[in-house]
Amino acid sequence: VNNIEVVYNGVVLVLKGVSLQVPQGGIVALLGANGAGKSTTLKAIS
C-alpha cells in the first residue's frame, strides 16, 4: 500500500498518506482505536 488517501462522499478525508507492506506468508497487524481508519484501509485493499 503506497501513500493512499481516501475520501468519502467526495469531501471527508479519512486516510491520509497510508503506506504498509504485507510479506508473503506473514501475519501483519494494523492496530488502533475505533475510528482510526483501520477498516477503511482494508476496504480500500478489497
PDB file of all heavy atoms in Angstrom:
ATOM      1  N   VAL A   1       0.871  -1.175   0.000  1.00  0.00           N
ATOM      2  CA  VAL A   1       0.000   0.000   0.000  1.00  0.00           C
ATOM      3  C   VAL A   1       0.906   1.221   0.000  1.00  0.00           C
ATOM      4  O   VAL A   1       1.744   1.376   0.893  1.00  0.00           O
ATOM      5  CB  VAL A   1      -0.930   0.003   1.233  1.00  0.00           C
ATOM      6  CG1 VAL A   1      -1.797   1.260   1.254  1.00  0.00           C
ATOM      7  CG2 VAL A   1      -1.806  -1.247   1.232  1.00  0.00           C
ATOM      8  N   ASN A   2       0.746   2.079  -1.013  1.00  0.00           N
ATOM      9  CA  ASN A   2       1.683   3.179  -1.229  1.00  0.00           C
ATOM     10  C   ASN A   2       1.004   4.536  -1.077  1.00  0.00           C
ATOM     11  O   ASN A   2       0.348   5.017  -2.010  1.00  0.00           O
ATOM     12  CB  ASN A   2       2.289   3.088  -2.639  1.00  0.00           C
ATOM     13  CG  ASN A   2       2.966   1.769  -2.911  1.00  0.00           C
ATOM     14  OD1 ASN A   2       3.889   1.386  -2.207  1.00  0.00           O
ATOM     15  ND2 ASN A   2       2.499   1.055  -3.926  1.00  0.00           N
ATOM     16  N   ASN A   3       1.101   5.122   0.110  1.00  0.00           N
ATOM     17  CA  ASN A   3       0.743   6.528   0.329  1.00  0.00           C
ATOM     18  C   ASN A   3      -0.687   6.849  -0.133  1.00  0.00           C
ATOM     19  O   ASN A   3      -0.929   7.852  -0.799  1.00  0.00           O
ATOM     20  CB  ASN A   3       1.746   7.431  -0.400  1.00  0.00           C
ATOM     21  CG  ASN A   3       1.708   8.863   0.098  1.00  0.00           C
ATOM     22  OD1 ASN A   3       1.506   9.112   1.288  1.00  0.00           O
ATOM     23  ND2 ASN A   3       1.892   9.818  -0.801  1.00  0.00           N
ATOM     24  N   ILE A   4      -1.649   6.003   0.257  1.00  0.00           N
ATOM     25  CA  ILE A   4      -3.011   6.221  -0.240  1.00  0.00           C
ATOM     26  C   ILE A   4      -3.767   7.242   0.610  1.00  0.00           C
ATOM     27  O   ILE A   4      -3.559   7.364   1.816  1.00  0.00           O
ATOM     28  CB  ILE A   4      -3.826   4.912  -0.317  1.00  0.00           C
ATOM     29  CG1 ILE A   4      -4.042   4.286   1.065  1.00  0.00           C
ATOM     30  CG2 ILE A   4      -3.197   3.933  -1.285  1.00  0.00           C
ATOM     31  CD1 ILE A   4      -5.069   3.164   1.073  1.00  0.00           C
ATOM     32  N   GLU A   5      -4.618   7.981  -0.074  1.00  0.00           N
ATOM     33  CA  GLU A   5      -5.577   8.864   0.585  1.00  0.00           C
ATOM     34  C   GLU A   5      -6.972   8.447   0.138  1.00  0.00           C
ATOM     35  O   GLU A   5      -7.193   8.131  -1.035  1.00  0.00           O
ATOM     36  CB  GLU A   5      -5.318  10.329   0.222  1.00  0.00           C
ATOM     37  CG  GLU A   5      -4.000  10.853   0.780  1.00  0.00           C
ATOM     38  CD  GLU A   5      -3.822  12.357   0.566  1.00  0.00           C
ATOM     39  OE1 GLU A   5      -4.698  12.979  -0.080  1.00  0.00           O
ATOM     40  OE2 GLU A   5      -2.800  12.891   1.028  1.00  0.00           O
ATOM     41  N   VAL A   6      -7.919   8.442   1.094  1.00  0.00           N
ATOM     42  CA  VAL A   6      -9.290   8.022   0.810  1.00  0.00           C
ATOM     43  C   VAL A   6     -10.244   9.105   1.290  1.00  0.00           C
ATOM     44  O   VAL A   6     -10.086   9.644   2.395  1.00  0.00           O
ATOM     45  CB  VAL A   6      -9.619   6.688   1.518  1.00  0.00           C
ATOM     46  CG1 VAL A   6     -11.121   6.405   1.497  1.00  0.00           C
ATOM     47  CG2 VAL A   6      -8.860   5.540   0.858  1.00  0.00           C
ATOM     48  N   VAL A   7     -11.223   9.410   0.439  1.00  0.00           N
ATOM     49  CA  VAL A   7     -12.280  10.333   0.842  1.00  0.00           C
ATOM     50  C   VAL A   7     -13.628   9.624   0.739  1.00  0.00           C
ATOM     51  O   VAL A   7     -13.813   8.726  -0.081  1.00  0.00           O
ATOM     52  CB  VAL A   7     -12.313  11.615  -0.016  1.00  0.00           C
ATOM     53  CG1 VAL A   7     -11.040  12.408   0.132  1.00  0.00           C
ATOM     54  CG2 VAL A   7     -12.583  11.280  -1.477  1.00  0.00           C
ATOM     55  N   TYR A   8     -14.568  10.041   1.578  1.00  0.00           N
ATOM     56  CA  TYR A   8     -15.953   9.602   1.498  1.00  0.00           C
ATOM     57  C   TYR A   8     -16.815  10.779   1.050  1.00  0.00           C
ATOM     58  O   TYR A   8     -16.594  11.923   1.457  1.00  0.00           O
ATOM     59  CB  TYR A   8     -16.430   9.078   2.852  1.00  0.00           C
ATOM     60  CG  TYR A   8     -16.015   7.654   3.132  1.00  0.00           C
ATOM     61  CD1 TYR A   8     -14.935   7.373   3.973  1.00  0.00           C
ATOM     62  CD2 TYR A   8     -16.701   6.587   2.570  1.00  0.00           C
ATOM     63  CE1 TYR A   8     -14.554   6.065   4.240  1.00  0.00           C
ATOM     64  CE2 TYR A   8     -16.329   5.281   2.828  1.00  0.00           C
ATOM     65  CZ  TYR A   8     -15.254   5.018   3.659  1.00  0.00           C
ATOM     66  OH  TYR A   8     -14.873   3.715   3.912  1.00  0.00           O
ATOM     67  N   ASN A   9     -17.796  10.470   0.220  1.00  0.00           N
ATOM     68  CA  ASN A   9     -18.732  11.477  -0.280  1.00  0.00           C
ATOM     69  C   ASN A   9     -18.033  12.652  -0.953  1.00  0.00           C
ATOM     70  O   ASN A   9     -18.560  13.766  -0.991  1.00  0.00           O
ATOM     71  CB  ASN A   9     -19.636  11.985   0.847  1.00  0.00           C
ATOM     72  CG  ASN A   9     -20.483  10.870   1.438  1.00  0.00           C
ATOM     73  OD1 ASN A   9     -21.109  10.104   0.707  1.00  0.00           O
ATOM     74  ND2 ASN A   9     -20.484  10.765   2.758  1.00  0.00           N
ATOM     75  N   GLY A  10     -16.817  12.407  -1.432  1.00  0.00           N
ATOM     76  CA  GLY A  10     -16.085  13.423  -2.167  1.00  0.00           C
ATOM     77  C   GLY A  10     -15.460  14.516  -1.320  1.00  0.00           C
ATOM     78  O   GLY A  10     -14.748  15.371  -1.850  1.00  0.00           O
ATOM     79  N   VAL A  11     -15.702  14.507  -0.013  1.00  0.00           N
ATOM     80  CA  VAL A  11     -15.216  15.623   0.810  1.00  0.00           C
ATOM     81  C   VAL A  11     -14.523  15.205   2.115  1.00  0.00           C
ATOM     82  O   VAL A  11     -13.651  15.918   2.604  1.00  0.00           O
ATOM     83  CB  VAL A  11     -16.371  16.589   1.166  1.00  0.00           C
ATOM     84  CG1 VAL A  11     -16.854  17.316  -0.082  1.00  0.00           C
ATOM     85  CG2 VAL A  11     -17.519  15.865   1.840  1.00  0.00           C
ATOM     86  N   VAL A  12     -14.905  14.067   2.699  1.00  0.00           N
ATOM     87  CA  VAL A  12     -14.385  13.687   4.014  1.00  0.00           C
ATOM     88  C   VAL A  12     -13.112  12.870   3.850  1.00  0.00           C
ATOM     89  O   VAL A  12     -13.152  11.723   3.369  1.00  0.00           O
ATOM     90  CB  VAL A  12     -15.428  12.886   4.821  1.00  0.00           C
ATOM     91  CG1 VAL A  12     -14.875  12.564   6.208  1.00  0.00           C
ATOM     92  CG2 VAL A  12     -16.733  13.660   4.928  1.00  0.00           C
ATOM     93  N   LEU A  13     -11.977  13.456   4.218  1.00  0.00           N
ATOM     94  CA  LEU A  13     -10.688  12.778   4.098  1.00  0.00           C
ATOM     95  C   LEU A  13     -10.505  11.833   5.287  1.00  0.00           C
ATOM     96  O   LEU A  13     -10.423  12.271   6.429  1.00  0.00           O
ATOM     97  CB  LEU A  13      -9.554  13.806   4.058  1.00  0.00           C
ATOM     98  CG  LEU A  13      -8.141  13.257   3.855  1.00  0.00           C
ATOM     99  CD1 LEU A  13      -8.006  12.539   2.517  1.00  0.00           C
ATOM    100  CD2 LEU A  13      -7.119  14.389   3.963  1.00  0.00           C
ATOM    101  N   VAL A  14     -10.438  10.539   4.999  1.00  0.00           N
ATOM    102  CA  VAL A  14     -10.385   9.521   6.056  1.00  0.00           C
ATOM    103  C   VAL A  14      -8.990   8.931   6.204  1.00  0.00           C
ATOM    104  O   VAL A  14      -8.494   8.761   7.312  1.00  0.00           O
ATOM    105  CB  VAL A  14     -11.421   8.409   5.786  1.00  0.00           C
ATOM    106  CG1 VAL A  14     -11.336   7.331   6.863  1.00  0.00           C
ATOM    107  CG2 VAL A  14     -12.825   8.990   5.724  1.00  0.00           C
ATOM    108  N   LEU A  15      -8.345   8.586   5.088  1.00  0.00           N
ATOM    109  CA  LEU A  15      -6.968   8.084   5.131  1.00  0.00           C
ATOM    110  C   LEU A  15      -6.036   9.135   4.560  1.00  0.00           C
ATOM    111  O   LEU A  15      -6.329   9.743   3.520  1.00  0.00           O
ATOM    112  CB  LEU A  15      -6.831   6.785   4.328  1.00  0.00           C
ATOM    113  CG  LEU A  15      -7.650   5.589   4.798  1.00  0.00           C
ATOM    114  CD1 LEU A  15      -7.278   4.350   3.993  1.00  0.00           C
ATOM    115  CD2 LEU A  15      -7.480   5.329   6.290  1.00  0.00           C
ATOM    116  N   LYS A  16      -4.909   9.347   5.241  1.00  0.00           N
ATOM    117  CA  LYS A  16      -4.031  10.470   4.932  1.00  0.00           C
ATOM    118  C   LYS A  16      -2.599   9.974   4.714  1.00  0.00           C
ATOM    119  O   LYS A  16      -1.769  10.028   5.614  1.00  0.00           O
ATOM    120  CB  LYS A  16      -4.079  11.483   6.084  1.00  0.00           C
ATOM    121  CG  LYS A  16      -5.517  11.890   6.455  1.00  0.00           C
ATOM    122  CD  LYS A  16      -5.609  12.535   7.822  1.00  0.00           C
ATOM    123  CE  LYS A  16      -7.052  12.801   8.209  1.00  0.00           C
ATOM    124  NZ  LYS A  16      -7.196  13.320   9.585  1.00  0.00           N
ATOM    125  N   GLY A  17      -2.347   9.443   3.540  1.00  0.00           N
ATOM    126  CA  GLY A  17      -0.999   9.005   3.212  1.00  0.00           C
ATOM    127  C   GLY A  17      -0.596   7.711   3.882  1.00  0.00           C
ATOM    128  O   GLY A  17       0.492   7.615   4.452  1.00  0.00           O
ATOM    129  N   VAL A  18      -1.442   6.689   3.796  1.00  0.00           N
ATOM    130  CA  VAL A  18      -1.184   5.407   4.466  1.00  0.00           C
ATOM    131  C   VAL A  18      -0.315   4.518   3.581  1.00  0.00           C
ATOM    132  O   VAL A  18      -0.626   4.289   2.403  1.00  0.00           O
ATOM    133  CB  VAL A  18      -2.507   4.687   4.795  1.00  0.00           C
ATOM    134  CG1 VAL A  18      -2.239   3.250   5.270  1.00  0.00           C
ATOM    135  CG2 VAL A  18      -3.277   5.466   5.848  1.00  0.00           C
ATOM    136  N   SER A  19       0.760   4.020   4.156  1.00  0.00           N
ATOM    137  CA  SER A  19       1.640   3.067   3.478  1.00  0.00           C
ATOM    138  C   SER A  19       1.910   1.887   4.405  1.00  0.00           C
ATOM    139  O   SER A  19       2.151   2.072   5.602  1.00  0.00           O
ATOM    140  CB  SER A  19       2.978   3.714   3.088  1.00  0.00           C
ATOM    141  OG  SER A  19       2.798   4.766   2.162  1.00  0.00           O
ATOM    142  N   LEU A  20       1.859   0.680   3.850  1.00  0.00           N
ATOM    143  CA  LEU A  20       2.200  -0.524   4.621  1.00  0.00           C
ATOM    144  C   LEU A  20       2.527  -1.655   3.666  1.00  0.00           C
ATOM    145  O   LEU A  20       2.211  -1.594   2.477  1.00  0.00           O
ATOM    146  CB  LEU A  20       1.068  -0.919   5.581  1.00  0.00           C
ATOM    147  CG  LEU A  20      -0.323  -1.217   5.024  1.00  0.00           C
ATOM    148  CD1 LEU A  20      -0.444  -2.665   4.533  1.00  0.00           C
ATOM    149  CD2 LEU A  20      -1.391  -0.960   6.081  1.00  0.00           C
ATOM    150  N   GLN A  21       3.167  -2.693   4.206  1.00  0.00           N
ATOM    151  CA  GLN A  21       3.537  -3.864   3.419  1.00  0.00           C
ATOM    152  C   GLN A  21       3.121  -5.124   4.167  1.00  0.00           C
ATOM    153  O   GLN A  21       3.153  -5.169   5.404  1.00  0.00           O
ATOM    154  CB  GLN A  21       5.049  -3.921   3.189  1.00  0.00           C
ATOM    155  CG  GLN A  21       5.618  -2.797   2.365  1.00  0.00           C
ATOM    156  CD  GLN A  21       7.115  -2.962   2.145  1.00  0.00           C
ATOM    157  OE1 GLN A  21       7.743  -3.887   2.670  1.00  0.00           O
ATOM    158  NE2 GLN A  21       7.691  -2.066   1.352  1.00  0.00           N
ATOM    159  N   VAL A  22       2.757  -6.147   3.396  1.00  0.00           N
ATOM    160  CA  VAL A  22       2.489  -7.468   3.966  1.00  0.00           C
ATOM    161  C   VAL A  22       3.314  -8.476   3.175  1.00  0.00           C
ATOM    162  O   VAL A  22       3.094  -8.654   1.972  1.00  0.00           O
ATOM    163  CB  VAL A  22       0.993  -7.838   3.888  1.00  0.00           C
ATOM    164  CG1 VAL A  22       0.761  -9.213   4.519  1.00  0.00           C
ATOM    165  CG2 VAL A  22       0.140  -6.780   4.591  1.00  0.00           C
ATOM    166  N   PRO A  23       4.276  -9.147   3.819  1.00  0.00           N
ATOM    167  CA  PRO A  23       5.109 -10.103   3.091  1.00  0.00           C
ATOM    168  C   PRO A  23       4.368 -11.409   2.828  1.00  0.00           C
ATOM    169  O   PRO A  23       3.431 -11.768   3.549  1.00  0.00           O
ATOM    170  CB  PRO A  23       6.288 -10.324   4.048  1.00  0.00           C
ATOM    171  CG  PRO A  23       5.714 -10.087   5.409  1.00  0.00           C
ATOM    172  CD  PRO A  23       4.684  -9.000   5.230  1.00  0.00           C
ATOM    173  N   GLN A  24       4.803 -12.117   1.798  1.00  0.00           N
ATOM    174  CA  GLN A  24       4.252 -13.430   1.503  1.00  0.00           C
ATOM    175  C   GLN A  24       4.406 -14.344   2.718  1.00  0.00           C
ATOM    176  O   GLN A  24       5.469 -14.459   3.304  1.00  0.00           O
ATOM    177  CB  GLN A  24       4.996 -14.045   0.312  1.00  0.00           C
ATOM    178  CG  GLN A  24       4.633 -15.486   0.001  1.00  0.00           C
ATOM    179  CD  GLN A  24       3.291 -15.588  -0.677  1.00  0.00           C
ATOM    180  OE1 GLN A  24       3.021 -14.838  -1.606  1.00  0.00           O
ATOM    181  NE2 GLN A  24       2.456 -16.498  -0.226  1.00  0.00           N
ATOM    182  N   GLY A  25       3.297 -14.984   3.149  1.00  0.00           N
ATOM    183  CA  GLY A  25       3.354 -15.930   4.252  1.00  0.00           C
ATOM    184  C   GLY A  25       3.386 -15.311   5.631  1.00  0.00           C
ATOM    185  O   GLY A  25       3.547 -16.025   6.620  1.00  0.00           O
ATOM    186  N   GLY A  26       3.211 -14.005   5.732  1.00  0.00           N
ATOM    187  CA  GLY A  26       3.300 -13.344   7.033  1.00  0.00           C
ATOM    188  C   GLY A  26       1.943 -13.068   7.656  1.00  0.00           C
ATOM    189  O   GLY A  26       0.891 -13.241   7.038  1.00  0.00           O
ATOM    190  N   ILE A  27       1.985 -12.654   8.924  1.00  0.00           N
ATOM    191  CA  ILE A  27       0.815 -12.101   9.604  1.00  0.00           C
ATOM    192  C   ILE A  27       1.205 -10.713  10.078  1.00  0.00           C
ATOM    193  O   ILE A  27       2.161 -10.546  10.844  1.00  0.00           O
ATOM    194  CB  ILE A  27       0.371 -12.935  10.823  1.00  0.00           C
ATOM    195  CG1 ILE A  27       0.192 -14.407  10.476  1.00  0.00           C
ATOM    196  CG2 ILE A  27      -0.934 -12.381  11.393  1.00  0.00           C
ATOM    197  CD1 ILE A  27      -0.264 -15.249  11.670  1.00  0.00           C
ATOM    198  N   VAL A  28       0.473  -9.718   9.597  1.00  0.00           N
ATOM    199  CA  VAL A  28       0.750  -8.325   9.935  1.00  0.00           C
ATOM    200  C   VAL A  28      -0.490  -7.738  10.590  1.00  0.00           C
ATOM    201  O   VAL A  28      -1.617  -8.000  10.156  1.00  0.00           O
ATOM    202  CB  VAL A  28       1.132  -7.517   8.673  1.00  0.00           C
ATOM    203  CG1 VAL A  28       1.243  -6.024   8.983  1.00  0.00           C
ATOM    204  CG2 VAL A  28       2.439  -8.039   8.089  1.00  0.00           C
ATOM    205  N   ALA A  29      -0.287  -6.958  11.649  1.00  0.00           N
ATOM    206  CA  ALA A  29      -1.404  -6.328  12.364  1.00  0.00           C
ATOM    207  C   ALA A  29      -1.483  -4.852  12.037  1.00  0.00           C
ATOM    208  O   ALA A  29      -0.456  -4.174  11.884  1.00  0.00           O
ATOM    209  CB  ALA A  29      -1.239  -6.507  13.874  1.00  0.00           C
ATOM    210  N   LEU A  30      -2.709  -4.375  11.944  1.00  0.00           N
ATOM    211  CA  LEU A  30      -2.990  -2.938  11.847  1.00  0.00           C
ATOM    212  C   LEU A  30      -3.798  -2.594  13.086  1.00  0.00           C
ATOM    213  O   LEU A  30      -4.955  -2.992  13.224  1.00  0.00           O
ATOM    214  CB  LEU A  30      -3.769  -2.633  10.570  1.00  0.00           C
ATOM    215  CG  LEU A  30      -4.067  -1.164  10.258  1.00  0.00           C
ATOM    216  CD1 LEU A  30      -2.796  -0.332  10.222  1.00  0.00           C
ATOM    217  CD2 LEU A  30      -4.816  -1.048   8.935  1.00  0.00           C
ATOM    218  N   LEU A  31      -3.154  -1.891  14.023  1.00  0.00           N
ATOM    219  CA  LEU A  31      -3.726  -1.636  15.338  1.00  0.00           C
ATOM    220  C   LEU A  31      -4.197  -0.196  15.451  1.00  0.00           C
ATOM    221  O   LEU A  31      -3.697   0.685  14.766  1.00  0.00           O
ATOM    222  CB  LEU A  31      -2.678  -1.922  16.423  1.00  0.00           C
ATOM    223  CG  LEU A  31      -1.968  -3.270  16.355  1.00  0.00           C
ATOM    224  CD1 LEU A  31      -0.842  -3.325  17.386  1.00  0.00           C
ATOM    225  CD2 LEU A  31      -2.955  -4.413  16.575  1.00  0.00           C
ATOM    226  N   GLY A  32      -5.129   0.024  16.354  1.00  0.00           N
ATOM    227  CA  GLY A  32      -5.595   1.381  16.586  1.00  0.00           C
ATOM    228  C   GLY A  32      -6.968   1.389  17.212  1.00  0.00           C
ATOM    229  O   GLY A  32      -7.669   0.375  17.239  1.00  0.00           O
ATOM    230  N   ALA A  33      -7.355   2.537  17.713  1.00  0.00           N
ATOM    231  CA  ALA A  33      -8.651   2.683  18.363  1.00  0.00           C
ATOM    232  C   ALA A  33      -9.768   2.719  17.328  1.00  0.00           C
ATOM    233  O   ALA A  33      -9.531   2.832  16.122  1.00  0.00           O
ATOM    234  CB  ALA A  33      -8.665   3.964  19.204  1.00  0.00           C
ATOM    235  N   ASN A  34     -10.992   2.642  17.806  1.00  0.00           N
ATOM    236  CA  ASN A  34     -12.151   2.744  16.936  1.00  0.00           C
ATOM    237  C   ASN A  34     -12.146   4.097  16.212  1.00  0.00           C
ATOM    238  O   ASN A  34     -11.914   5.135  16.822  1.00  0.00           O
ATOM    239  CB  ASN A  34     -13.425   2.597  17.777  1.00  0.00           C
ATOM    240  CG  ASN A  34     -14.664   2.455  16.924  1.00  0.00           C
ATOM    241  OD1 ASN A  34     -14.638   1.811  15.884  1.00  0.00           O
ATOM    242  ND2 ASN A  34     -15.755   3.060  17.349  1.00  0.00           N
ATOM    243  N   GLY A  35     -12.379   4.073  14.904  1.00  0.00           N
ATOM    244  CA  GLY A  35     -12.395   5.312  14.136  1.00  0.00           C
ATOM    245  C   GLY A  35     -11.050   5.762  13.616  1.00  0.00           C
ATOM    246  O   GLY A  35     -10.949   6.830  13.002  1.00  0.00           O
ATOM    247  N   ALA A  36     -10.012   4.949  13.805  1.00  0.00           N
ATOM    248  CA  ALA A  36      -8.673   5.350  13.360  1.00  0.00           C
ATOM    249  C   ALA A  36      -8.500   5.256  11.850  1.00  0.00           C
ATOM    250  O   ALA A  36      -7.593   5.874  11.287  1.00  0.00           O
ATOM    251  CB  ALA A  36      -7.606   4.499  14.057  1.00  0.00           C
ATOM    252  N   GLY A  37      -9.344   4.453  11.184  1.00  0.00           N
ATOM    253  CA  GLY A  37      -9.211   4.280   9.741  1.00  0.00           C
ATOM    254  C   GLY A  37      -8.796   2.878   9.332  1.00  0.00           C
ATOM    255  O   GLY A  37      -8.519   2.626   8.153  1.00  0.00           O
ATOM    256  N   LYS A  38      -8.786   1.958  10.291  1.00  0.00           N
ATOM    257  CA  LYS A  38      -8.313   0.599  10.009  1.00  0.00           C
ATOM    258  C   LYS A  38      -9.222  -0.132   9.021  1.00  0.00           C
ATOM    259  O   LYS A  38      -8.760  -0.704   8.038  1.00  0.00           O
ATOM    260  CB  LYS A  38      -8.212  -0.203  11.315  1.00  0.00           C
ATOM    261  CG  LYS A  38      -7.396   0.471  12.410  1.00  0.00           C
ATOM    262  CD  LYS A  38      -7.255  -0.406  13.646  1.00  0.00           C
ATOM    263  CE  LYS A  38      -8.565  -0.854  14.268  1.00  0.00           C
ATOM    264  NZ  LYS A  38      -9.415   0.283  14.716  1.00  0.00           N
ATOM    265  N   SER A  39     -10.523  -0.125   9.296  1.00  0.00           N
ATOM    266  CA  SER A  39     -11.459  -0.827   8.412  1.00  0.00           C
ATOM    267  C   SER A  39     -11.486  -0.188   7.027  1.00  0.00           C
ATOM    268  O   SER A  39     -11.602  -0.886   6.016  1.00  0.00           O
ATOM    269  CB  SER A  39     -12.869  -0.830   9.020  1.00  0.00           C
ATOM    270  OG  SER A  39     -12.908  -1.600  10.202  1.00  0.00           O
ATOM    271  N   THR A  40     -11.358   1.122   6.966  1.00  0.00           N
ATOM    272  CA  THR A  40     -11.310   1.802   5.668  1.00  0.00           C
ATOM    273  C   THR A  40     -10.096   1.342   4.871  1.00  0.00           C
ATOM    274  O   THR A  40     -10.173   1.162   3.645  1.00  0.00           O
ATOM    275  CB  THR A  40     -11.280   3.327   5.865  1.00  0.00           C
ATOM    276  OG1 THR A  40     -12.490   3.737   6.512  1.00  0.00           O
ATOM    277  CG2 THR A  40     -11.154   4.050   4.538  1.00  0.00           C
ATOM    278  N   THR A  41      -8.982   1.125   5.546  1.00  0.00           N
ATOM    279  CA  THR A  41      -7.781   0.633   4.865  1.00  0.00           C
ATOM    280  C   THR A  41      -8.039  -0.736   4.248  1.00  0.00           C
ATOM    281  O   THR A  41      -7.680  -0.990   3.091  1.00  0.00           O
ATOM    282  CB  THR A  41      -6.603   0.559   5.847  1.00  0.00           C
ATOM    283  OG1 THR A  41      -6.367   1.860   6.411  1.00  0.00           O
ATOM    284  CG2 THR A  41      -5.338   0.086   5.150  1.00  0.00           C
ATOM    285  N   LEU A  42      -8.681  -1.629   5.013  1.00  0.00           N
ATOM    286  CA  LEU A  42      -8.994  -2.953   4.469  1.00  0.00           C
ATOM    287  C   LEU A  42      -9.931  -2.841   3.272  1.00  0.00           C
ATOM    288  O   LEU A  42      -9.762  -3.541   2.265  1.00  0.00           O
ATOM    289  CB  LEU A  42      -9.630  -3.837   5.544  1.00  0.00           C
ATOM    290  CG  LEU A  42      -8.756  -4.279   6.720  1.00  0.00           C
ATOM    291  CD1 LEU A  42      -9.440  -5.401   7.493  1.00  0.00           C
ATOM    292  CD2 LEU A  42      -7.365  -4.716   6.275  1.00  0.00           C
ATOM    293  N   LYS A  43     -10.942  -1.987   3.372  1.00  0.00           N
ATOM    294  CA  LYS A  43     -11.898  -1.847   2.267  1.00  0.00           C
ATOM    295  C   LYS A  43     -11.244  -1.237   1.034  1.00  0.00           C
ATOM    296  O   LYS A  43     -11.634  -1.547  -0.099  1.00  0.00           O
ATOM    297  CB  LYS A  43     -13.093  -1.018   2.717  1.00  0.00           C
ATOM    298  CG  LYS A  43     -13.977  -1.745   3.726  1.00  0.00           C
ATOM    299  CD  LYS A  43     -15.091  -0.860   4.269  1.00  0.00           C
ATOM    300  CE  LYS A  43     -15.915  -1.613   5.296  1.00  0.00           C
ATOM    301  NZ  LYS A  43     -16.955  -0.763   5.922  1.00  0.00           N
ATOM    302  N   ALA A  44     -10.258  -0.384   1.238  1.00  0.00           N
ATOM    303  CA  ALA A  44      -9.510   0.155   0.101  1.00  0.00           C
ATOM    304  C   ALA A  44      -8.769  -0.969  -0.623  1.00  0.00           C
ATOM    305  O   ALA A  44      -8.704  -1.001  -1.857  1.00  0.00           O
ATOM    306  CB  ALA A  44      -8.533   1.224   0.572  1.00  0.00           C
ATOM    307  N   ILE A  45      -8.232  -1.918   0.148  1.00  0.00           N
ATOM    308  CA  ILE A  45      -7.496  -3.042  -0.433  1.00  0.00           C
ATOM    309  C   ILE A  45      -8.443  -4.000  -1.153  1.00  0.00           C
ATOM    310  O   ILE A  45      -8.151  -4.479  -2.253  1.00  0.00           O
ATOM    311  CB  ILE A  45      -6.705  -3.785   0.660  1.00  0.00           C
ATOM    312  CG1 ILE A  45      -5.630  -2.866   1.265  1.00  0.00           C
ATOM    313  CG2 ILE A  45      -6.068  -5.062   0.103  1.00  0.00           C
ATOM    314  CD1 ILE A  45      -5.045  -3.373   2.571  1.00  0.00           C
ATOM    315  N   SER A  46      -9.594  -4.288  -0.534  1.00  0.00           N
ATOM    316  CA  SER A  46     -10.502  -5.316  -1.061  1.00  0.00           C
ATOM    317  C   SER A  46     -11.493  -4.778  -2.087  1.00  0.00           C
ATOM    318  O   SER A  46     -12.283  -5.543  -2.643  1.00  0.00           O
ATOM    319  CB  SER A  46     -11.277  -5.971   0.085  1.00  0.00           C
ATOM    320  OG  SER A  46     -12.106  -5.029   0.751  1.00  0.00           O
TER     321      SER A  46
END
